[in-house]
């Protein structure tokens, strides 16, 4: 049985994901969950072409995640979403995930909380915080960790820095 890791990073799939996170976590498969990209054949193709071998890569809509995970249950999988709100849509599919790892998130119209003690770009809305609190209460382990070599901060401790 493979392991599932989840990363929240508004850059979706990028160099840091491929060079640092995937080798550290022993990833076999990358699933980018982004409805707009997955709905556009050209964008989807271009994004998937950026995922090098040896990784199997997919860009899917939220309603496709669960089926893909069941189909490939023997692989270590990294699911990447751009925003915490997507986690709430795929919550049932990612039950049992090893970790939810918070990464970079740029400012959005609804964000009013900014990370105050790091060099990263990290903004959350009230609904992001409420949703992440709910996930933690439901048993998900949520941490903030920019890169694998950086220290992990639990959600409860991280929330205090906002």
C-alpha atoms as a PDB file:
ATOM      1  CA  UNK A   1       0.000   0.000   0.000  1.00  0.00           C
ATOM      2  CA  UNK A   2       1.432   3.356  -1.024  1.00  0.00           C
ATOM      3  CA  UNK A   3       1.489   6.509   1.055  1.00  0.00           C
ATOM      4  CA  UNK A   4      -0.325   9.739   0.251  1.00  0.00           C
ATOM      5  CA  UNK A   5       1.150  13.160   0.944  1.00  0.00           C
ATOM      6  CA  UNK A   6      -0.608  16.439   0.203  1.00  0.00           C
ATOM      7  CA  UNK A   7       1.079  19.751  -0.558  1.00  0.00           C
ATOM      8  CA  UNK A   8      -0.672  23.124  -0.717  1.00  0.00           C
ATOM      9  CA  UNK A   9       1.340  25.402  -2.998  1.00  0.00           C
ATOM     10  CA  UNK A  10      -0.127  27.956  -5.377  1.00  0.00           C
ATOM     11  CA  UNK A  11       2.670  27.268  -7.868  1.00  0.00           C
ATOM     12  CA  UNK A  12       1.273  23.734  -8.232  1.00  0.00           C
ATOM     13  CA  UNK A  13       4.078  21.688  -9.832  1.00  0.00           C
ATOM     14  CA  UNK A  14       7.477  23.375 -10.024  1.00  0.00           C
ATOM     15  CA  UNK A  15      11.181  22.735  -9.566  1.00  0.00           C
ATOM     16  CA  UNK A  16      11.172  22.605  -5.763  1.00  0.00           C
ATOM     17  CA  UNK A  17       8.460  19.946  -5.907  1.00  0.00           C
ATOM     18  CA  UNK A  18      10.386  17.801  -8.347  1.00  0.00           C
ATOM     19  CA  UNK A  19      13.909  18.291  -6.998  1.00  0.00           C
ATOM     20  CA  UNK A  20      13.298  18.405  -3.236  1.00  0.00           C
ATOM     21  CA  UNK A  21       9.899  17.069  -2.166  1.00  0.00           C
ATOM     22  CA  UNK A  22       9.483  14.059  -4.439  1.00  0.00           C
ATOM     23  CA  UNK A  23      12.857  12.418  -3.670  1.00  0.00           C
ATOM     24  CA  UNK A  24      12.550  13.150   0.060  1.00  0.00           C
ATOM     25  CA  UNK A  25       9.084  11.597   0.284  1.00  0.00           C
ATOM     26  CA  UNK A  26       9.874   8.699  -2.055  1.00  0.00           C
ATOM     27  CA  UNK A  27       7.170   9.765  -4.514  1.00  0.00           C
ATOM     28  CA  UNK A  28       6.197   7.620  -7.512  1.00  0.00           C
ATOM     29  CA  UNK A  29       3.217   9.626  -8.726  1.00  0.00           C
ATOM     30  CA  UNK A  30       2.246  13.312  -8.721  1.00  0.00           C
ATOM     31  CA  UNK A  31      -1.366  14.420  -8.934  1.00  0.00           C
ATOM     32  CA  UNK A  32      -1.980  18.110  -9.484  1.00  0.00           C
ATOM     33  CA  UNK A  33      -5.566  18.986  -8.621  1.00  0.00           C
ATOM     34  CA  UNK A  34      -6.668  22.093 -10.469  1.00  0.00           C
ATOM     35  CA  UNK A  35     -10.066  22.273 -12.181  1.00  0.00           C
ATOM     36  CA  UNK A  36      -9.207  25.112 -14.593  1.00  0.00           C
ATOM     37  CA  UNK A  37      -6.028  23.501 -15.908  1.00  0.00           C
ATOM     38  CA  UNK A  38      -7.592  20.029 -16.050  1.00  0.00           C
ATOM     39  CA  UNK A  39     -10.503  21.452 -18.083  1.00  0.00           C
ATOM     40  CA  UNK A  40      -8.218  22.929 -20.745  1.00  0.00           C
ATOM     41  CA  UNK A  41      -6.593  20.210 -22.885  1.00  0.00           C
ATOM     42  CA  UNK A  42      -3.678  22.406 -23.946  1.00  0.00           C
ATOM     43  CA  UNK A  43      -2.843  23.671 -20.441  1.00  0.00           C
ATOM     44  CA  UNK A  44      -3.240  20.176 -19.044  1.00  0.00           C
ATOM     45  CA  UNK A  45      -0.889  18.710 -21.636  1.00  0.00           C
ATOM     46  CA  UNK A  46       1.732  21.413 -21.114  1.00  0.00           C
ATOM     47  CA  UNK A  47       1.595  21.044 -17.329  1.00  0.00           C
ATOM     48  CA  UNK A  48       1.822  17.253 -17.450  1.00  0.00           C
ATOM     49  CA  UNK A  49       4.794  17.487 -19.852  1.00  0.00           C
ATOM     50  CA  UNK A  50       6.643  19.342 -17.083  1.00  0.00           C
ATOM     51  CA  UNK A  51       6.571  16.254 -14.866  1.00  0.00           C
ATOM     52  CA  UNK A  52       9.740  14.299 -15.666  1.00  0.00           C
ATOM     53  CA  UNK A  53      10.322  10.577 -15.596  1.00  0.00           C
ATOM     54  CA  UNK A  54      10.473   8.610 -13.345  1.00  0.00           C
ATOM     55  CA  UNK A  55       7.279  10.187 -11.966  1.00  0.00           C
ATOM     56  CA  UNK A  56       3.867   9.342 -13.253  1.00  0.00           C
ATOM     57  CA  UNK A  57       1.986  12.627 -13.465  1.00  0.00           C
ATOM     58  CA  UNK A  58      -1.619  13.738 -13.735  1.00  0.00           C
ATOM     59  CA  UNK A  59      -3.530  16.997 -13.704  1.00  0.00           C
ATOM     60  CA  UNK A  60      -7.106  16.300 -12.662  1.00  0.00           C
ATOM     61  CA  UNK A  61     -10.335  17.873 -11.497  1.00  0.00           C
ATOM     62  CA  UNK A  62     -11.386  17.506  -7.870  1.00  0.00           C
ATOM     63  CA  UNK A  63     -13.962  14.855  -8.710  1.00  0.00           C
ATOM     64  CA  UNK A  64     -11.307  12.648 -10.353  1.00  0.00           C
ATOM     65  CA  UNK A  65      -8.889  12.372  -7.418  1.00  0.00           C
ATOM     66  CA  UNK A  66     -10.533   9.539  -5.516  1.00  0.00           C
ATOM     67  CA  UNK A  67     -10.778   7.230  -8.544  1.00  0.00           C
ATOM     68  CA  UNK A  68      -7.165   7.864  -9.504  1.00  0.00           C
ATOM     69  CA  UNK A  69      -5.965   7.139  -5.961  1.00  0.00           C
ATOM     70  CA  UNK A  70      -7.905   3.867  -5.866  1.00  0.00           C
ATOM     71  CA  UNK A  71      -6.521   2.875  -9.262  1.00  0.00           C
ATOM     72  CA  UNK A  72      -2.927   3.487  -8.158  1.00  0.00           C
ATOM     73  CA  UNK A  73      -3.111   2.588  -4.471  1.00  0.00           C
ATOM     74  CA  UNK A  74       0.281   0.869  -4.482  1.00  0.00           C
ATOM     75  CA  UNK A  75       2.223   4.061  -5.329  1.00  0.00           C
ATOM     76  CA  UNK A  76       3.586   6.758  -3.046  1.00  0.00           C
ATOM     77  CA  UNK A  77       1.633   9.771  -4.236  1.00  0.00           C
ATOM     78  CA  UNK A  78       2.049  13.510  -3.827  1.00  0.00           C
ATOM     79  CA  UNK A  79      -1.195  15.409  -4.329  1.00  0.00           C
ATOM     80  CA  UNK A  80      -0.677  19.111  -4.951  1.00  0.00           C
ATOM     81  CA  UNK A  81      -3.410  21.726  -4.673  1.00  0.00           C
ATOM     82  CA  UNK A  82      -3.114  25.473  -5.086  1.00  0.00           C
ATOM     83  CA  UNK A  83      -5.351  26.523  -2.198  1.00  0.00           C
ATOM     84  CA  UNK A  84      -6.665  25.054   1.061  1.00  0.00           C
ATOM     85  CA  UNK A  85     -10.253  25.264  -0.207  1.00  0.00           C
ATOM     86  CA  UNK A  86      -9.487  22.390  -2.596  1.00  0.00           C
ATOM     87  CA  UNK A  87      -8.605  20.189   0.388  1.00  0.00           C
ATOM     88  CA  UNK A  88     -12.159  20.485   1.643  1.00  0.00           C
ATOM     89  CA  UNK A  89     -13.480  19.323  -1.744  1.00  0.00           C
ATOM     90  CA  UNK A  90     -11.222  16.233  -1.820  1.00  0.00           C
ATOM     91  CA  UNK A  91     -11.277  15.502   1.910  1.00  0.00           C
ATOM     92  CA  UNK A  92     -12.799  12.032   1.563  1.00  0.00           C
ATOM     93  CA  UNK A  93     -10.283  11.028  -1.102  1.00  0.00           C
ATOM     94  CA  UNK A  94      -7.265  12.039   1.006  1.00  0.00           C
ATOM     95  CA  UNK A  95      -8.347  10.430   4.287  1.00  0.00           C
ATOM     96  CA  UNK A  96      -5.372   8.523   5.630  1.00  0.00           C
ATOM     97  CA  UNK A  97      -2.831  10.920   4.089  1.00  0.00           C
ATOM     98  CA  UNK A  98       0.473  10.951   5.941  1.00  0.00           C
ATOM     99  CA  UNK A  99       0.695  14.765   5.978  1.00  0.00           C
ATOM    100  CA  UNK A 100      -0.800  17.935   4.596  1.00  0.00           C
ATOM    101  CA  UNK A 101       2.157  20.239   3.995  1.00  0.00           C
ATOM    102  CA  UNK A 102       1.489  23.962   3.622  1.00  0.00           C
ATOM    103  CA  UNK A 103       3.794  25.820   1.233  1.00  0.00           C
ATOM    104  CA  UNK A 104       3.640  29.127  -0.614  1.00  0.00           C
ATOM    105  CA  UNK A 105       0.342  30.921  -1.193  1.00  0.00           C
ATOM    106  CA  UNK A 106       0.228  34.379  -2.719  1.00  0.00           C
ATOM    107  CA  UNK A 107      -2.155  37.095  -1.642  1.00  0.00           C
ATOM    108  CA  UNK A 108      -5.728  36.728  -2.909  1.00  0.00           C
ATOM    109  CA  UNK A 109      -8.716  39.032  -2.653  1.00  0.00           C
ATOM    110  CA  UNK A 110     -10.099  37.204   0.397  1.00  0.00           C
ATOM    111  CA  UNK A 111      -6.828  36.736   2.304  1.00  0.00           C
ATOM    112  CA  UNK A 112      -6.344  38.785   5.429  1.00  0.00           C
ATOM    113  CA  UNK A 113      -3.760  36.745   7.362  1.00  0.00           C
ATOM    114  CA  UNK A 114      -0.085  36.868   6.432  1.00  0.00           C
ATOM    115  CA  UNK A 115       2.787  34.804   7.733  1.00  0.00           C
ATOM    116  CA  UNK A 116       4.822  37.171   9.835  1.00  0.00           C
ATOM    117  CA  UNK A 117       7.988  35.227  10.659  1.00  0.00           C
ATOM    118  CA  UNK A 118       9.453  33.892   7.428  1.00  0.00           C
ATOM    119  CA  UNK A 119      10.682  34.955   4.045  1.00  0.00           C
ATOM    120  CA  UNK A 120       7.988  32.987   2.265  1.00  0.00           C
ATOM    121  CA  UNK A 121       4.883  34.244   0.571  1.00  0.00           C
ATOM    122  CA  UNK A 122       2.010  32.933   2.619  1.00  0.00           C
ATOM    123  CA  UNK A 123      -1.494  34.332   2.967  1.00  0.00           C
ATOM    124  CA  UNK A 124      -4.677  32.742   4.301  1.00  0.00           C
ATOM    125  CA  UNK A 125      -8.309  33.770   4.481  1.00  0.00           C
ATOM    126  CA  UNK A 126     -10.575  33.294   7.477  1.00  0.00           C
ATOM    127  CA  UNK A 127     -12.258  30.392   5.661  1.00  0.00           C
ATOM    128  CA  UNK A 128      -8.838  28.802   4.968  1.00  0.00           C
ATOM    129  CA  UNK A 129      -8.033  28.903   8.681  1.00  0.00           C
ATOM    130  CA  UNK A 130     -11.439  27.583   9.687  1.00  0.00           C
ATOM    131  CA  UNK A 131     -11.155  24.737   7.176  1.00  0.00           C
ATOM    132  CA  UNK A 132      -7.631  23.783   8.232  1.00  0.00           C
ATOM    133  CA  UNK A 133      -8.758  23.798  11.870  1.00  0.00           C
ATOM    134  CA  UNK A 134     -11.557  21.412  10.902  1.00  0.00           C
ATOM    135  CA  UNK A 135      -9.170  19.089   9.076  1.00  0.00           C
ATOM    136  CA  UNK A 136      -6.896  18.944  12.140  1.00  0.00           C
ATOM    137  CA  UNK A 137      -9.898  18.193  14.390  1.00  0.00           C
ATOM    138  CA  UNK A 138     -10.834  15.379  12.014  1.00  0.00           C
ATOM    139  CA  UNK A 139      -7.415  13.777  12.411  1.00  0.00           C
ATOM    140  CA  UNK A 140      -5.385  15.172   9.513  1.00  0.00           C
ATOM    141  CA  UNK A 141      -1.822  16.184  10.344  1.00  0.00           C
ATOM    142  CA  UNK A 142      -1.261  19.681   8.930  1.00  0.00           C
ATOM    143  CA  UNK A 143       2.173  21.282   9.009  1.00  0.00           C
ATOM    144  CA  UNK A 144       3.958  24.266   7.503  1.00  0.00           C
ATOM    145  CA  UNK A 145       7.258  23.389   5.856  1.00  0.00           C
ATOM    146  CA  UNK A 146       8.677  25.312   2.921  1.00  0.00           C
ATOM    147  CA  UNK A 147      11.325  22.795   1.885  1.00  0.00           C
ATOM    148  CA  UNK A 148      12.185  19.325   3.202  1.00  0.00           C
ATOM    149  CA  UNK A 149      15.392  20.575   4.838  1.00  0.00           C
ATOM    150  CA  UNK A 150      13.504  23.241   6.840  1.00  0.00           C
ATOM    151  CA  UNK A 151      11.915  22.561  10.183  1.00  0.00           C
ATOM    152  CA  UNK A 152       8.289  21.485  10.426  1.00  0.00           C
ATOM    153  CA  UNK A 153       5.803  23.628  12.285  1.00  0.00           C
ATOM    154  CA  UNK A 154       2.542  22.105  13.467  1.00  0.00           C
ATOM    155  CA  UNK A 155      -0.665  23.810  12.388  1.00  0.00           C
ATOM    156  CA  UNK A 156      -1.454  24.967  15.932  1.00  0.00           C
ATOM    157  CA  UNK A 157       1.986  26.590  16.337  1.00  0.00           C
ATOM    158  CA  UNK A 158       1.978  27.952  12.804  1.00  0.00           C
ATOM    159  CA  UNK A 159      -1.408  29.589  13.283  1.00  0.00           C
ATOM    160  CA  UNK A 160       0.079  31.687  16.091  1.00  0.00           C
ATOM    161  CA  UNK A 161       2.442  33.378  13.580  1.00  0.00           C
ATOM    162  CA  UNK A 162      -0.390  34.695  11.404  1.00  0.00           C
END
